[in-house]
Amino acid sequence: MSLRTSAARYARALFDVALKESDPVRIEQDLATIVGAIQQHAELRRTLMSPTLPHAARVNVVSALAAHAGAQPPVAKLVAMLADRNRLELLPDLLDVYRERLLDHQQVVRAAVTTAAPMPEEARQSLESRLRNVTGKHIQLSVDADPSLIGGVVTRIGSTVYDGSIRTQLEKMRQRLIENA
């Protein structure tokens, strides 16, 4: 079983518990704090991932970390359980999956827009509004500029890509000319 699959199971369980017993947004923040602390401190990460560290010591370290972070009980219990099972490497993927579930619960969809030139704020707001109307959900929009597009817009919503770039149109035209030659 892949790490992502295992992490998804724990994330689903944590999210279900968060909905019943706590605030899902606060749970995400607490989990992000703990994951960030482990990722930012190399010595802590090496210590926690070391196979020579006894389980009890690993559990004590992550329990102290959760307490210091002021983590909600579901997060503290989950982190301690993962430490006991020597599965702390799942935490980054678990956080990613939890965030996806939280966005889905909040009816928020991520959209990435790439344009040839920087997009003015009023155009960004207009595009965000149109995407909100199309999807029926709130939009979390990120905008990038890529001059190689020449012109137009490429929009990614989930796994769907809407490519209205001049670069792609020119490439399609080139392919048709080659096929018809």
C-alpha atoms as a PDB file:
ATOM      1  CA  MET A   1       0.000   0.000   0.000  1.00  0.00           C
ATOM      2  CA  SER A   2       1.415   3.406  -0.953  1.00  0.00           C
ATOM      3  CA  LEU A   3       2.125   6.143   1.580  1.00  0.00           C
ATOM      4  CA  ARG A   4      -0.536   8.356  -0.021  1.00  0.00           C
ATOM      5  CA  THR A   5      -3.178   5.620   0.310  1.00  0.00           C
ATOM      6  CA  SER A   6      -2.342   5.022   3.963  1.00  0.00           C
ATOM      7  CA  ALA A   7      -2.269   8.756   4.639  1.00  0.00           C
ATOM      8  CA  ALA A   8      -5.675   9.138   2.954  1.00  0.00           C
ATOM      9  CA  ARG A   9      -7.216   6.613   5.353  1.00  0.00           C
ATOM     10  CA  TYR A  10      -5.914   8.449   8.392  1.00  0.00           C
ATOM     11  CA  ALA A  11      -6.952  11.826   6.907  1.00  0.00           C
ATOM     12  CA  ARG A  12     -10.518  10.605   6.286  1.00  0.00           C
ATOM     13  CA  ALA A  13     -10.772   9.305   9.833  1.00  0.00           C
ATOM     14  CA  LEU A  14      -9.353  12.538  11.277  1.00  0.00           C
ATOM     15  CA  PHE A  15     -11.731  14.627   9.182  1.00  0.00           C
ATOM     16  CA  ASP A  16     -14.743  12.575  10.301  1.00  0.00           C
ATOM     17  CA  VAL A  17     -13.697  12.990  13.939  1.00  0.00           C
ATOM     18  CA  ALA A  18     -13.100  16.716  13.395  1.00  0.00           C
ATOM     19  CA  LEU A  19     -16.617  17.162  12.025  1.00  0.00           C
ATOM     20  CA  LYS A  20     -18.142  15.440  15.049  1.00  0.00           C
ATOM     21  CA  GLU A  21     -15.931  16.619  17.889  1.00  0.00           C
ATOM     22  CA  SER A  22     -14.037  19.728  16.868  1.00  0.00           C
ATOM     23  CA  ASP A  23     -13.510  22.471  14.311  1.00  0.00           C
ATOM     24  CA  PRO A  24     -12.118  21.037  11.023  1.00  0.00           C
ATOM     25  CA  VAL A  25     -10.322  24.306  10.229  1.00  0.00           C
ATOM     26  CA  ARG A  26      -8.592  24.349  13.605  1.00  0.00           C
ATOM     27  CA  ILE A  27      -7.608  20.704  13.151  1.00  0.00           C
ATOM     28  CA  GLU A  28      -5.992  21.593   9.803  1.00  0.00           C
ATOM     29  CA  GLN A  29      -4.061  24.440  11.431  1.00  0.00           C
ATOM     30  CA  ASP A  30      -2.856  22.232  14.289  1.00  0.00           C
ATOM     31  CA  LEU A  31      -1.799  19.479  11.913  1.00  0.00           C
ATOM     32  CA  ALA A  32      -0.004  22.002   9.687  1.00  0.00           C
ATOM     33  CA  THR A  33       1.848  23.403  12.709  1.00  0.00           C
ATOM     34  CA  ILE A  34       3.111  19.963  13.731  1.00  0.00           C
ATOM     35  CA  VAL A  35       4.065  18.954  10.180  1.00  0.00           C
ATOM     36  CA  GLY A  36       5.809  22.291   9.684  1.00  0.00           C
ATOM     37  CA  ALA A  37       7.763  21.939  12.921  1.00  0.00           C
ATOM     38  CA  ILE A  38       8.986  18.482  11.951  1.00  0.00           C
ATOM     39  CA  GLN A  39       9.901  19.552   8.409  1.00  0.00           C
ATOM     40  CA  GLN A  40      11.680  22.742   9.483  1.00  0.00           C
ATOM     41  CA  HIS A  41      13.833  21.178  12.185  1.00  0.00           C
ATOM     42  CA  ALA A  42      16.164  18.640  10.596  1.00  0.00           C
ATOM     43  CA  GLU A  43      17.452  17.313  13.912  1.00  0.00           C
ATOM     44  CA  LEU A  44      13.916  16.696  15.195  1.00  0.00           C
ATOM     45  CA  ARG A  45      12.978  14.978  11.927  1.00  0.00           C
ATOM     46  CA  ARG A  46      16.078  12.744  11.998  1.00  0.00           C
ATOM     47  CA  THR A  47      15.429  11.838  15.619  1.00  0.00           C
ATOM     48  CA  LEU A  48      11.763  10.991  15.058  1.00  0.00           C
ATOM     49  CA  MET A  49      12.499   8.929  11.943  1.00  0.00           C
ATOM     50  CA  SER A  50      15.417   7.074  13.510  1.00  0.00           C
ATOM     51  CA  PRO A  51      14.741   3.340  13.876  1.00  0.00           C
ATOM     52  CA  THR A  52      16.913   3.307  17.003  1.00  0.00           C
ATOM     53  CA  LEU A  53      14.597   5.645  18.920  1.00  0.00           C
ATOM     54  CA  PRO A  54      12.355   3.570  21.226  1.00  0.00           C
ATOM     55  CA  HIS A  55       8.614   3.795  20.528  1.00  0.00           C
ATOM     56  CA  ALA A  56       7.884   5.233  23.959  1.00  0.00           C
ATOM     57  CA  ALA A  57      10.422   8.023  23.461  1.00  0.00           C
ATOM     58  CA  ARG A  58       9.034   8.796  19.982  1.00  0.00           C
ATOM     59  CA  VAL A  59       5.506   8.987  21.390  1.00  0.00           C
ATOM     60  CA  ASN A  60       6.690  11.226  24.242  1.00  0.00           C
ATOM     61  CA  VAL A  61       8.454  13.607  21.829  1.00  0.00           C
ATOM     62  CA  VAL A  62       5.454  14.014  19.507  1.00  0.00           C
ATOM     63  CA  SER A  63       3.072  14.281  22.449  1.00  0.00           C
ATOM     64  CA  ALA A  64       5.202  17.097  23.860  1.00  0.00           C
ATOM     65  CA  LEU A  65       5.316  18.722  20.417  1.00  0.00           C
ATOM     66  CA  ALA A  66       1.510  18.523  20.119  1.00  0.00           C
ATOM     67  CA  ALA A  67       1.064  19.932  23.623  1.00  0.00           C
ATOM     68  CA  HIS A  68       3.512  22.757  22.918  1.00  0.00           C
ATOM     69  CA  ALA A  69       1.610  23.559  19.694  1.00  0.00           C
ATOM     70  CA  GLY A  70      -1.695  23.581  21.594  1.00  0.00           C
ATOM     71  CA  ALA A  71      -3.066  20.924  19.260  1.00  0.00           C
ATOM     72  CA  GLN A  72      -6.647  19.753  19.621  1.00  0.00           C
ATOM     73  CA  PRO A  73      -7.051  16.260  21.171  1.00  0.00           C
ATOM     74  CA  PRO A  74      -7.845  14.487  17.853  1.00  0.00           C
ATOM     75  CA  VAL A  75      -4.587  15.750  16.335  1.00  0.00           C
ATOM     76  CA  ALA A  76      -2.553  14.945  19.434  1.00  0.00           C
ATOM     77  CA  LYS A  77      -3.991  11.418  19.583  1.00  0.00           C
ATOM     78  CA  LEU A  78      -3.409  10.800  15.869  1.00  0.00           C
ATOM     79  CA  VAL A  79       0.196  12.014  15.972  1.00  0.00           C
ATOM     80  CA  ALA A  80       0.904   9.887  19.046  1.00  0.00           C
ATOM     81  CA  MET A  81      -0.664   6.856  17.354  1.00  0.00           C
ATOM     82  CA  LEU A  82       1.419   7.404  14.198  1.00  0.00           C
ATOM     83  CA  ALA A  83       4.552   7.731  16.335  1.00  0.00           C
ATOM     84  CA  ASP A  84       3.706   4.509  18.167  1.00  0.00           C
ATOM     85  CA  ARG A  85       3.232   2.709  14.845  1.00  0.00           C
ATOM     86  CA  ASN A  86       6.401   4.273  13.396  1.00  0.00           C
ATOM     87  CA  ARG A  87       4.350   5.937  10.631  1.00  0.00           C
ATOM     88  CA  LEU A  88       5.255   9.616  11.084  1.00  0.00           C
ATOM     89  CA  GLU A  89       6.435   9.747   7.461  1.00  0.00           C
ATOM     90  CA  LEU A  90       2.730   9.821   6.528  1.00  0.00           C
ATOM     91  CA  LEU A  91       2.193  13.272   8.070  1.00  0.00           C
ATOM     92  CA  PRO A  92       2.906  15.466   4.986  1.00  0.00           C
ATOM     93  CA  ASP A  93       0.614  13.383   2.735  1.00  0.00           C
ATOM     94  CA  LEU A  94      -1.971  13.152   5.508  1.00  0.00           C
ATOM     95  CA  LEU A  95      -2.007  16.958   5.734  1.00  0.00           C
ATOM     96  CA  ASP A  96      -2.417  17.286   1.947  1.00  0.00           C
ATOM     97  CA  VAL A  97      -5.335  14.846   1.850  1.00  0.00           C
ATOM     98  CA  TYR A  98      -6.950  16.471   4.893  1.00  0.00           C
ATOM     99  CA  ARG A  99      -6.721  19.872   3.187  1.00  0.00           C
ATOM    100  CA  GLU A 100      -8.369  18.464   0.048  1.00  0.00           C
ATOM    101  CA  ARG A 101     -11.237  17.071   2.114  1.00  0.00           C
ATOM    102  CA  LEU A 102     -11.591  20.363   3.999  1.00  0.00           C
ATOM    103  CA  LEU A 103     -11.782  22.365   0.758  1.00  0.00           C
ATOM    104  CA  ASP A 104     -14.337  19.924  -0.627  1.00  0.00           C
ATOM    105  CA  HIS A 105     -16.393  20.225   2.563  1.00  0.00           C
ATOM    106  CA  GLN A 106     -16.243  24.020   2.326  1.00  0.00           C
ATOM    107  CA  GLN A 107     -17.314  23.886  -1.338  1.00  0.00           C
ATOM    108  CA  VAL A 108     -14.015  25.426  -2.453  1.00  0.00           C
ATOM    109  CA  VAL A 109     -12.205  24.416  -5.613  1.00  0.00           C
ATOM    110  CA  ARG A 110      -8.640  25.326  -6.552  1.00  0.00           C
ATOM    111  CA  ALA A 111      -8.056  26.877  -9.946  1.00  0.00           C
ATOM    112  CA  ALA A 112      -4.701  27.758 -11.490  1.00  0.00           C
ATOM    113  CA  VAL A 113      -4.616  30.309 -14.282  1.00  0.00           C
ATOM    114  CA  THR A 114      -1.604  30.965 -16.486  1.00  0.00           C
ATOM    115  CA  THR A 115      -1.531  33.995 -18.789  1.00  0.00           C
ATOM    116  CA  ALA A 116       1.098  35.395 -21.140  1.00  0.00           C
ATOM    117  CA  ALA A 117       1.300  38.650 -19.190  1.00  0.00           C
ATOM    118  CA  PRO A 118       0.470  39.586 -15.603  1.00  0.00           C
ATOM    119  CA  MET A 119      -3.298  39.723 -15.103  1.00  0.00           C
ATOM    120  CA  PRO A 120      -4.796  42.993 -13.820  1.00  0.00           C
ATOM    121  CA  GLU A 121      -6.747  42.690 -10.565  1.00  0.00           C
ATOM    122  CA  GLU A 122     -10.116  43.533 -12.156  1.00  0.00           C
ATOM    123  CA  ALA A 123      -9.605  40.819 -14.805  1.00  0.00           C
ATOM    124  CA  ARG A 124      -8.630  38.368 -12.061  1.00  0.00           C
ATOM    125  CA  GLN A 125     -11.793  39.145 -10.111  1.00  0.00           C
ATOM    126  CA  SER A 126     -13.919  38.838 -13.241  1.00  0.00           C
ATOM    127  CA  LEU A 127     -12.387  35.457 -14.090  1.00  0.00           C
ATOM    128  CA  GLU A 128     -12.831  34.259 -10.511  1.00  0.00           C
ATOM    129  CA  SER A 129     -16.503  35.289 -10.649  1.00  0.00           C
ATOM    130  CA  ARG A 130     -17.046  33.446 -13.955  1.00  0.00           C
ATOM    131  CA  LEU A 131     -15.362  30.326 -12.623  1.00  0.00           C
ATOM    132  CA  ARG A 132     -17.519  30.501  -9.493  1.00  0.00           C
ATOM    133  CA  ASN A 133     -20.633  30.629 -11.712  1.00  0.00           C
ATOM    134  CA  VAL A 134     -19.435  27.704 -13.841  1.00  0.00           C
ATOM    135  CA  THR A 135     -18.446  25.436 -10.944  1.00  0.00           C
ATOM    136  CA  GLY A 136     -21.051  26.524  -8.407  1.00  0.00           C
ATOM    137  CA  LYS A 137     -18.300  26.593  -5.785  1.00  0.00           C
ATOM    138  CA  HIS A 138     -16.024  29.163  -4.215  1.00  0.00           C
ATOM    139  CA  ILE A 139     -12.759  29.523  -6.092  1.00  0.00           C
ATOM    140  CA  GLN A 140      -9.253  29.542  -4.642  1.00  0.00           C
ATOM    141  CA  LEU A 141      -7.448  31.128  -7.581  1.00  0.00           C
ATOM    142  CA  SER A 142      -3.725  31.273  -8.245  1.00  0.00           C
ATOM    143  CA  VAL A 143      -2.479  33.284 -11.217  1.00  0.00           C
ATOM    144  CA  ASP A 144       0.886  32.936 -12.966  1.00  0.00           C
ATOM    145  CA  ALA A 145       2.412  34.591 -16.015  1.00  0.00           C
ATOM    146  CA  ASP A 146       4.237  32.587 -18.694  1.00  0.00           C
ATOM    147  CA  PRO A 147       5.390  34.636 -21.714  1.00  0.00           C
ATOM    148  CA  SER A 148       5.843  31.433 -23.775  1.00  0.00           C
ATOM    149  CA  LEU A 149       2.037  31.248 -24.095  1.00  0.00           C
ATOM    150  CA  ILE A 150       2.271  34.257 -26.439  1.00  0.00           C
ATOM    151  CA  GLY A 151      -1.300  35.210 -25.527  1.00  0.00           C
ATOM    152  CA  GLY A 152      -4.519  33.759 -24.154  1.00  0.00           C
ATOM    153  CA  VAL A 153      -5.201  31.856 -20.938  1.00  0.00           C
ATOM    154  CA  VAL A 154      -4.685  28.318 -19.625  1.00  0.00           C
ATOM    155  CA  THR A 155      -6.982  27.394 -16.725  1.00  0.00           C
ATOM    156  CA  ARG A 156      -6.663  24.244 -14.592  1.00  0.00           C
ATOM    157  CA  ILE A 157      -9.511  23.246 -12.310  1.00  0.00           C
ATOM    158  CA  GLY A 158      -8.702  19.968 -10.650  1.00  0.00           C
ATOM    159  CA  SER A 159      -7.620  17.623 -13.437  1.00  0.00           C
ATOM    160  CA  THR A 160      -9.458  19.583 -16.156  1.00  0.00           C
ATOM    161  CA  VAL A 161      -7.433  21.943 -18.340  1.00  0.00           C
ATOM    162  CA  TYR A 162      -8.966  24.661 -20.494  1.00  0.00           C
ATOM    163  CA  ASP A 163      -6.238  25.759 -22.903  1.00  0.00           C
ATOM    164  CA  GLY A 164      -7.015  28.952 -24.789  1.00  0.00           C
ATOM    165  CA  SER A 165      -3.388  29.934 -25.380  1.00  0.00           C
ATOM    166  CA  ILE A 166      -2.099  31.155 -28.704  1.00  0.00           C
ATOM    167  CA  ARG A 167       0.853  28.766 -28.372  1.00  0.00           C
ATOM    168  CA  THR A 168      -1.508  25.772 -28.321  1.00  0.00           C
ATOM    169  CA  GLN A 169      -3.613  27.151 -31.184  1.00  0.00           C
ATOM    170  CA  LEU A 170      -0.456  27.613 -33.297  1.00  0.00           C
ATOM    171  CA  GLU A 171       0.680  24.079 -32.448  1.00  0.00           C
ATOM    172  CA  LYS A 172      -2.705  22.647 -33.504  1.00  0.00           C
ATOM    173  CA  MET A 173      -2.542  24.638 -36.741  1.00  0.00           C
ATOM    174  CA  ARG A 174       0.962  23.326 -37.395  1.00  0.00           C
ATOM    175  CA  GLN A 175      -0.205  19.734 -36.844  1.00  0.00           C
ATOM    176  CA  ARG A 176      -3.119  20.185 -39.277  1.00  0.00           C
ATOM    177  CA  LEU A 177      -0.778  21.616 -41.924  1.00  0.00           C
ATOM    178  CA  ILE A 178       1.602  18.679 -41.500  1.00  0.00           C
ATOM    179  CA  GLU A 179      -1.268  16.161 -41.733  1.00  0.00           C
ATOM    180  CA  ASN A 180      -2.719  17.805 -44.851  1.00  0.00           C
ATOM    181  CA  ALA A 181       0.626  18.261 -46.653  1.00  0.00           C
END
